Amino acid sequence: MSGEGGAPPEVLPEAADLLAAFWALAWDRPIGFGGCGGISFSAIERYATALGLAGDELWAFERAIRAADGEWLRWANGKDGKPQNVASRPMSPALFDAVFGG
């Protein structure tokens, strides 16, 4: 999720509020052993309602958040649908015992 050379992508000024809403809503996602899940509709609806959005504006807001969330999930869970490897070494019985006192 970066631009050229690893720099953050440029955000259009018109999208700044949507991006701020996306990052605020990102805290309301399920995270499990299989990776991250999507932001729930109820969280998006509550946030939109708090902003005073209703009708078509609410649905446009929901589509925009879902689009951003889809891209973030693709990145967070690995581009091939597999979770990114966050460990420098794969878990082995010996490593498990060392970490959890086996």
Protein backbone atom coordinates (compact mmCIF):
# COMPACT_ATOMS: atom_id res chain seq x y z
CA MET A 1 0.00 0.00 0.00
CA SER A 2 2.58 2.47 -1.05
CA GLY A 3 3.37 4.61 -4.03
CA GLU A 4 6.56 4.63 -6.03
CA GLY A 5 9.70 3.87 -4.08
CA GLY A 6 7.75 2.82 -0.98
CA ALA A 7 6.42 6.33 -0.33
CA PRO A 8 2.81 6.64 0.82
CA PRO A 9 0.44 7.18 -2.11
CA GLU A 10 -0.77 10.71 -2.71
CA VAL A 11 -4.30 11.29 -1.45
CA LEU A 12 -6.57 13.68 -3.27
CA PRO A 13 -7.84 16.44 -0.97
CA GLU A 14 -11.42 15.43 -1.85
CA ALA A 15 -10.76 11.94 -0.44
CA ALA A 16 -9.18 13.01 2.85
CA ASP A 17 -12.44 12.76 4.83
CA LEU A 18 -13.20 9.31 3.42
CA LEU A 19 -9.69 8.13 4.23
CA ALA A 20 -10.01 9.45 7.78
CA ALA A 21 -13.34 7.61 8.12
CA PHE A 22 -11.77 4.40 6.77
CA TRP A 23 -8.93 4.53 9.31
CA ALA A 24 -11.38 5.27 12.13
CA LEU A 25 -13.52 2.30 11.09
CA ALA A 26 -10.51 0.02 10.64
CA TRP A 27 -10.49 -0.50 14.43
CA ASP A 28 -13.88 -2.18 14.13
CA ARG A 29 -12.79 -5.24 12.15
CA PRO A 30 -12.54 -8.85 13.27
CA ILE A 31 -9.03 -10.30 13.40
CA GLY A 32 -8.50 -14.02 13.73
CA PHE A 33 -5.96 -16.72 13.10
CA GLY A 34 -6.87 -16.73 9.41
CA GLY A 35 -6.19 -13.02 8.96
CA CYS A 36 -8.24 -9.86 9.08
CA GLY A 37 -11.93 -9.62 8.27
CA GLY A 38 -13.87 -6.80 6.67
CA ILE A 39 -15.36 -3.83 8.48
CA SER A 40 -18.95 -4.68 9.43
CA PHE A 41 -21.90 -2.94 7.82
CA SER A 42 -23.24 -2.00 11.25
CA ALA A 43 -20.02 -0.12 12.04
CA ILE A 44 -20.13 1.68 8.68
CA GLU A 45 -23.81 2.54 9.15
CA ARG A 46 -23.24 3.89 12.69
CA TYR A 47 -20.36 6.05 11.49
CA ALA A 48 -22.34 7.34 8.50
CA THR A 49 -25.32 8.12 10.71
CA ALA A 50 -23.06 10.01 13.13
CA LEU A 51 -21.91 12.08 10.14
CA GLY A 52 -25.54 12.82 9.27
CA LEU A 53 -25.53 10.72 6.09
CA ALA A 54 -28.73 9.01 4.96
CA GLY A 55 -30.22 7.54 1.81
CA ASP A 56 -28.00 7.66 -1.26
CA GLU A 57 -25.20 9.43 0.63
CA LEU A 58 -25.05 6.58 3.14
CA TRP A 59 -24.89 3.97 0.38
CA ALA A 60 -22.18 5.91 -1.49
CA PHE A 61 -20.20 6.18 1.76
CA GLU A 62 -20.61 2.43 2.36
CA ARG A 63 -19.37 1.62 -1.18
CA ALA A 64 -16.34 3.87 -0.76
CA ILE A 65 -15.41 2.34 2.60
CA ARG A 66 -15.89 -1.18 1.19
CA ALA A 67 -13.63 -0.37 -1.78
CA ALA A 68 -10.86 0.92 0.50
CA ASP A 69 -11.38 -2.00 2.88
CA GLY A 70 -11.15 -4.51 0.04
CA GLU A 71 -7.79 -3.13 -1.02
CA TRP A 72 -6.52 -3.04 2.57
CA LEU A 73 -7.66 -6.62 3.18
CA ARG A 74 -5.95 -7.76 -0.03
CA TRP A 75 -2.73 -6.21 1.26
CA ALA A 76 -3.12 -7.31 4.91
CA ASN A 77 -4.05 -10.89 4.14
CA GLY A 78 -1.54 -11.35 1.33
CA LYS A 79 -2.10 -10.73 -2.35
CA ASP A 80 -2.64 -14.42 -3.06
CA GLY A 81 -5.30 -14.73 -0.35
CA LYS A 82 -2.87 -16.22 2.16
CA PRO A 83 -1.96 -14.26 5.29
CA GLN A 84 1.37 -12.47 5.14
CA ASN A 85 4.18 -14.18 7.00
CA VAL A 86 4.85 -11.97 9.99
CA ALA A 87 7.45 -14.21 11.60
CA SER A 88 11.08 -14.40 10.66
CA ARG A 89 10.95 -18.17 11.31
CA PRO A 90 8.08 -20.57 10.84
CA MET A 91 6.59 -22.01 14.02
CA SER A 92 8.16 -25.34 14.93
CA PRO A 93 7.64 -27.56 17.99
CA ALA A 94 10.97 -26.38 19.42
CA LEU A 95 10.12 -22.71 18.88
CA PHE A 96 6.64 -23.22 20.37
CA ASP A 97 8.18 -24.80 23.48
CA ALA A 98 10.71 -21.96 23.76
CA VAL A 99 8.03 -19.28 23.53
CA PHE A 100 5.33 -20.95 25.63
CA GLY A 101 7.48 -22.96 28.02
CA GLY A 102 6.99 -26.53 26.91
